[in-house]
Amino acid sequence: MLYLIIAYWPYLLAALLIGVVVGWWYQDPRSVDDMTAWLERGPDDH
């Protein structure tokens, strides 16, 4: 198994980068707001 990773690491890296780019491209902009919502002070914060 390790020799396959060693032999094909450029392709694995390219596939990983493509996956990250596609995931970023198709993300819902509202999900970013949900992830950072805890940083914002709300009416229930004292």
PDB file of N, CA and C in Angstrom:
ATOM      1  N   MET A   1       0.827  -1.203   0.000  1.00  0.00           N
ATOM      2  CA  MET A   1       0.000   0.000   0.000  1.00  0.00           C
ATOM      3  C   MET A   1       0.862   1.254   0.000  1.00  0.00           C
ATOM      4  N   LEU A   2       1.923   1.242   0.805  1.00  0.00           N
ATOM      5  CA  LEU A   2       2.774   2.424   0.902  1.00  0.00           C
ATOM      6  C   LEU A   2       3.444   2.739  -0.427  1.00  0.00           C
ATOM      7  N   TYR A   3       3.838   1.708  -1.159  1.00  0.00           N
ATOM      8  CA  TYR A   3       4.497   1.964  -2.437  1.00  0.00           C
ATOM      9  C   TYR A   3       3.535   2.594  -3.437  1.00  0.00           C
ATOM     10  N   LEU A   4       2.250   2.299  -3.319  1.00  0.00           N
ATOM     11  CA  LEU A   4       1.274   2.953  -4.196  1.00  0.00           C
ATOM     12  C   LEU A   4       1.178   4.444  -3.884  1.00  0.00           C
ATOM     13  N   ILE A   5       1.195   4.771  -2.589  1.00  0.00           N
ATOM     14  CA  ILE A   5       1.149   6.179  -2.197  1.00  0.00           C
ATOM     15  C   ILE A   5       2.410   6.899  -2.675  1.00  0.00           C
ATOM     16  N   ILE A   6       3.550   6.244  -2.525  1.00  0.00           N
ATOM     17  CA  ILE A   6       4.807   6.847  -2.966  1.00  0.00           C
ATOM     18  C   ILE A   6       4.809   7.041  -4.478  1.00  0.00           C
ATOM     19  N   ALA A   7       4.278   6.068  -5.205  1.00  0.00           N
ATOM     20  CA  ALA A   7       4.291   6.136  -6.662  1.00  0.00           C
ATOM     21  C   ALA A   7       3.300   7.164  -7.197  1.00  0.00           C
ATOM     22  N   TYR A   8       2.157   7.288  -6.533  1.00  0.00           N
ATOM     23  CA  TYR A   8       1.082   8.116  -7.084  1.00  0.00           C
ATOM     24  C   TYR A   8       0.792   9.367  -6.265  1.00  0.00           C
ATOM     25  N   TRP A   9       1.745   9.814  -5.424  1.00  0.00           N
ATOM     26  CA  TRP A   9       1.453  10.965  -4.577  1.00  0.00           C
ATOM     27  C   TRP A   9       1.128  12.227  -5.358  1.00  0.00           C
ATOM     28  N   PRO A  10       1.710  12.480  -6.534  1.00  0.00           N
ATOM     29  CA  PRO A  10       1.296  13.704  -7.252  1.00  0.00           C
ATOM     30  C   PRO A  10      -0.176  13.668  -7.650  1.00  0.00           C
ATOM     31  N   TYR A  11      -0.656  12.484  -8.033  1.00  0.00           N
ATOM     32  CA  TYR A  11      -2.061  12.354  -8.417  1.00  0.00           C
ATOM     33  C   TYR A  11      -2.967  12.474  -7.198  1.00  0.00           C
ATOM     34  N   LEU A  12      -2.532  11.924  -6.070  1.00  0.00           N
ATOM     35  CA  LEU A  12      -3.315  12.056  -4.841  1.00  0.00           C
ATOM     36  C   LEU A  12      -3.388  13.513  -4.406  1.00  0.00           C
ATOM     37  N   LEU A  13      -2.274  14.222  -4.522  1.00  0.00           N
ATOM     38  CA  LEU A  13      -2.249  15.632  -4.158  1.00  0.00           C
ATOM     39  C   LEU A  13      -3.144  16.442  -5.086  1.00  0.00           C
ATOM     40  N   ALA A  14      -3.087  16.147  -6.381  1.00  0.00           N
ATOM     41  CA  ALA A  14      -3.939  16.846  -7.339  1.00  0.00           C
ATOM     42  C   ALA A  14      -5.412  16.572  -7.056  1.00  0.00           C
ATOM     43  N   ALA A  15      -5.749  15.328  -6.754  1.00  0.00           N
ATOM     44  CA  ALA A  15      -7.140  14.988  -6.447  1.00  0.00           C
ATOM     45  C   ALA A  15      -7.599  15.707  -5.179  1.00  0.00           C
ATOM     46  N   LEU A  16      -6.731  15.797  -4.186  1.00  0.00           N
ATOM     47  CA  LEU A  16      -7.076  16.497  -2.955  1.00  0.00           C
ATOM     48  C   LEU A  16      -7.315  17.981  -3.228  1.00  0.00           C
ATOM     49  N   LEU A  17      -6.437  18.591  -4.002  1.00  0.00           N
ATOM     50  CA  LEU A  17      -6.594  20.005  -4.325  1.00  0.00           C
ATOM     51  C   LEU A  17      -7.862  20.254  -5.123  1.00  0.00           C
ATOM     52  N   ILE A  18      -8.153  19.375  -6.078  1.00  0.00           N
ATOM     53  CA  ILE A  18      -9.379  19.514  -6.863  1.00  0.00           C
ATOM     54  C   ILE A  18     -10.597  19.398  -5.949  1.00  0.00           C
ATOM     55  N   GLY A  19     -10.562  18.462  -5.021  1.00  0.00           N
ATOM     56  CA  GLY A  19     -11.673  18.310  -4.086  1.00  0.00           C
ATOM     57  C   GLY A  19     -11.873  19.545  -3.226  1.00  0.00           C
ATOM     58  N   VAL A  20     -10.782  20.138  -2.758  1.00  0.00           N
ATOM     59  CA  VAL A  20     -10.884  21.350  -1.947  1.00  0.00           C
ATOM     60  C   VAL A  20     -11.453  22.500  -2.772  1.00  0.00           C
ATOM     61  N   VAL A  21     -10.971  22.651  -3.999  1.00  0.00           N
ATOM     62  CA  VAL A  21     -11.449  23.735  -4.858  1.00  0.00           C
ATOM     63  C   VAL A  21     -12.924  23.558  -5.186  1.00  0.00           C
ATOM     64  N   VAL A  22     -13.318  22.337  -5.536  1.00  0.00           N
ATOM     65  CA  VAL A  22     -14.724  22.081  -5.858  1.00  0.00           C
ATOM     66  C   VAL A  22     -15.600  22.311  -4.629  1.00  0.00           C
ATOM     67  N   GLY A  23     -15.153  21.847  -3.479  1.00  0.00           N
ATOM     68  CA  GLY A  23     -15.919  22.062  -2.259  1.00  0.00           C
ATOM     69  C   GLY A  23     -16.056  23.537  -1.920  1.00  0.00           C
ATOM     70  N   TRP A  24     -14.978  24.292  -2.123  1.00  0.00           N
ATOM     71  CA  TRP A  24     -15.032  25.728  -1.850  1.00  0.00           C
ATOM     72  C   TRP A  24     -15.934  26.425  -2.855  1.00  0.00           C
ATOM     73  N   TRP A  25     -15.873  26.003  -4.123  1.00  0.00           N
ATOM     74  CA  TRP A  25     -16.636  26.652  -5.186  1.00  0.00           C
ATOM     75  C   TRP A  25     -18.133  26.451  -4.989  1.00  0.00           C
ATOM     76  N   TYR A  26     -18.519  25.256  -4.541  1.00  0.00           N
ATOM     77  CA  TYR A  26     -19.939  24.935  -4.430  1.00  0.00           C
ATOM     78  C   TYR A  26     -20.485  25.093  -3.016  1.00  0.00           C
ATOM     79  N   GLN A  27     -19.708  25.713  -2.118  1.00  0.00           N
ATOM     80  CA  GLN A  27     -20.206  25.859  -0.752  1.00  0.00           C
ATOM     81  C   GLN A  27     -21.359  26.856  -0.714  1.00  0.00           C
ATOM     82  N   ASP A  28     -22.215  26.664   0.251  1.00  0.00           N
ATOM     83  CA  ASP A  28     -23.325  27.577   0.465  1.00  0.00           C
ATOM     84  C   ASP A  28     -22.787  28.772   1.248  1.00  0.00           C
ATOM     85  N   PRO A  29     -22.928  29.982   0.722  1.00  0.00           N
ATOM     86  CA  PRO A  29     -22.383  31.142   1.447  1.00  0.00           C
ATOM     87  C   PRO A  29     -22.961  31.280   2.849  1.00  0.00           C
ATOM     88  N   ARG A  30     -24.187  30.808   3.051  1.00  0.00           N
ATOM     89  CA  ARG A  30     -24.797  30.910   4.372  1.00  0.00           C
ATOM     90  C   ARG A  30     -24.102  30.005   5.377  1.00  0.00           C
ATOM     91  N   SER A  31     -23.487  28.923   4.908  1.00  0.00           N
ATOM     92  CA  SER A  31     -22.812  28.016   5.828  1.00  0.00           C
ATOM     93  C   SER A  31     -21.601  28.696   6.466  1.00  0.00           C
ATOM     94  N   VAL A  32     -20.980  29.628   5.746  1.00  0.00           N
ATOM     95  CA  VAL A  32     -19.857  30.372   6.316  1.00  0.00           C
ATOM     96  C   VAL A  32     -20.359  31.228   7.461  1.00  0.00           C
ATOM     97  N   ASP A  33     -21.516  31.851   7.286  1.00  0.00           N
ATOM     98  CA  ASP A  33     -22.094  32.648   8.360  1.00  0.00           C
ATOM     99  C   ASP A  33     -22.396  31.776   9.574  1.00  0.00           C
ATOM    100  N   ASP A  34     -22.882  30.562   9.339  1.00  0.00           N
ATOM    101  CA  ASP A  34     -23.187  29.666  10.449  1.00  0.00           C
ATOM    102  C   ASP A  34     -21.915  29.281  11.207  1.00  0.00           C
ATOM    103  N   MET A  35     -20.826  29.085  10.472  1.00  0.00           N
ATOM    104  CA  MET A  35     -19.582  28.675  11.121  1.00  0.00           C
ATOM    105  C   MET A  35     -18.999  29.800  11.964  1.00  0.00           C
ATOM    106  N   THR A  36     -19.183  31.049  11.522  1.00  0.00           N
ATOM    107  CA  THR A  36     -18.593  32.182  12.235  1.00  0.00           C
ATOM    108  C   THR A  36     -19.597  32.866  13.148  1.00  0.00           C
ATOM    109  N   ALA A  37     -20.818  32.329  13.237  1.00  0.00           N
ATOM    110  CA  ALA A  37     -21.851  32.986  14.042  1.00  0.00           C
ATOM    111  C   ALA A  37     -21.458  33.040  15.513  1.00  0.00           C
ATOM    112  N   TRP A  38     -20.720  32.042  15.999  1.00  0.00           N
ATOM    113  CA  TRP A  38     -20.352  32.014  17.418  1.00  0.00           C
ATOM    114  C   TRP A  38     -19.373  33.122  17.773  1.00  0.00           C
ATOM    115  N   LEU A  39     -18.733  33.723  16.742  1.00  0.00           N
ATOM    116  CA  LEU A  39     -17.808  34.814  17.007  1.00  0.00           C
ATOM    117  C   LEU A  39     -18.546  36.128  17.261  1.00  0.00           C
ATOM    118  N   GLU A  40     -19.779  36.220  16.781  1.00  0.00           N
ATOM    119  CA  GLU A  40     -20.529  37.462  16.880  1.00  0.00           C
ATOM    120  C   GLU A  40     -21.307  37.502  18.193  1.00  0.00           C
ATOM    121  N   ARG A  41     -21.365  38.681  18.776  1.00  0.00           N
ATOM    122  CA  ARG A  41     -22.116  38.849  20.016  1.00  0.00           C
ATOM    123  C   ARG A  41     -23.594  38.966  19.676  1.00  0.00           C
ATOM    124  N   GLY A  42     -24.397  38.150  20.335  1.00  0.00           N
ATOM    125  CA  GLY A  42     -25.835  38.174  20.113  1.00  0.00           C
ATOM    126  C   GLY A  42     -26.551  38.861  21.248  1.00  0.00           C
ATOM    127  N   PRO A  43     -27.870  38.958  21.151  1.00  0.00           N
ATOM    128  CA  PRO A  43     -28.646  39.623  22.208  1.00  0.00           C
ATOM    129  C   PRO A  43     -28.605  38.876  23.538  1.00  0.00           C
ATOM    130  N   ASP A  44     -28.282  37.589  23.507  1.00  0.00           N
ATOM    131  CA  ASP A  44     -28.248  36.823  24.755  1.00  0.00           C
ATOM    132  C   ASP A  44     -26.869  36.825  25.410  1.00  0.00           C
ATOM    133  N   ASP A  45     -25.896  37.485  24.779  1.00  0.00           N
ATOM    134  CA  ASP A  45     -24.561  37.576  25.366  1.00  0.00           C
ATOM    135  C   ASP A  45     -24.523  38.734  26.359  1.00  0.00           C
ATOM    136  N   HIS A  46     -23.859  38.519  27.506  1.00  0.00           N
ATOM    137  CA  HIS A  46     -23.788  39.571  28.518  1.00  0.00           C
ATOM    138  C   HIS A  46     -22.339  39.946  28.748  1.00  0.00           C
TER     139      HIS A  46
END
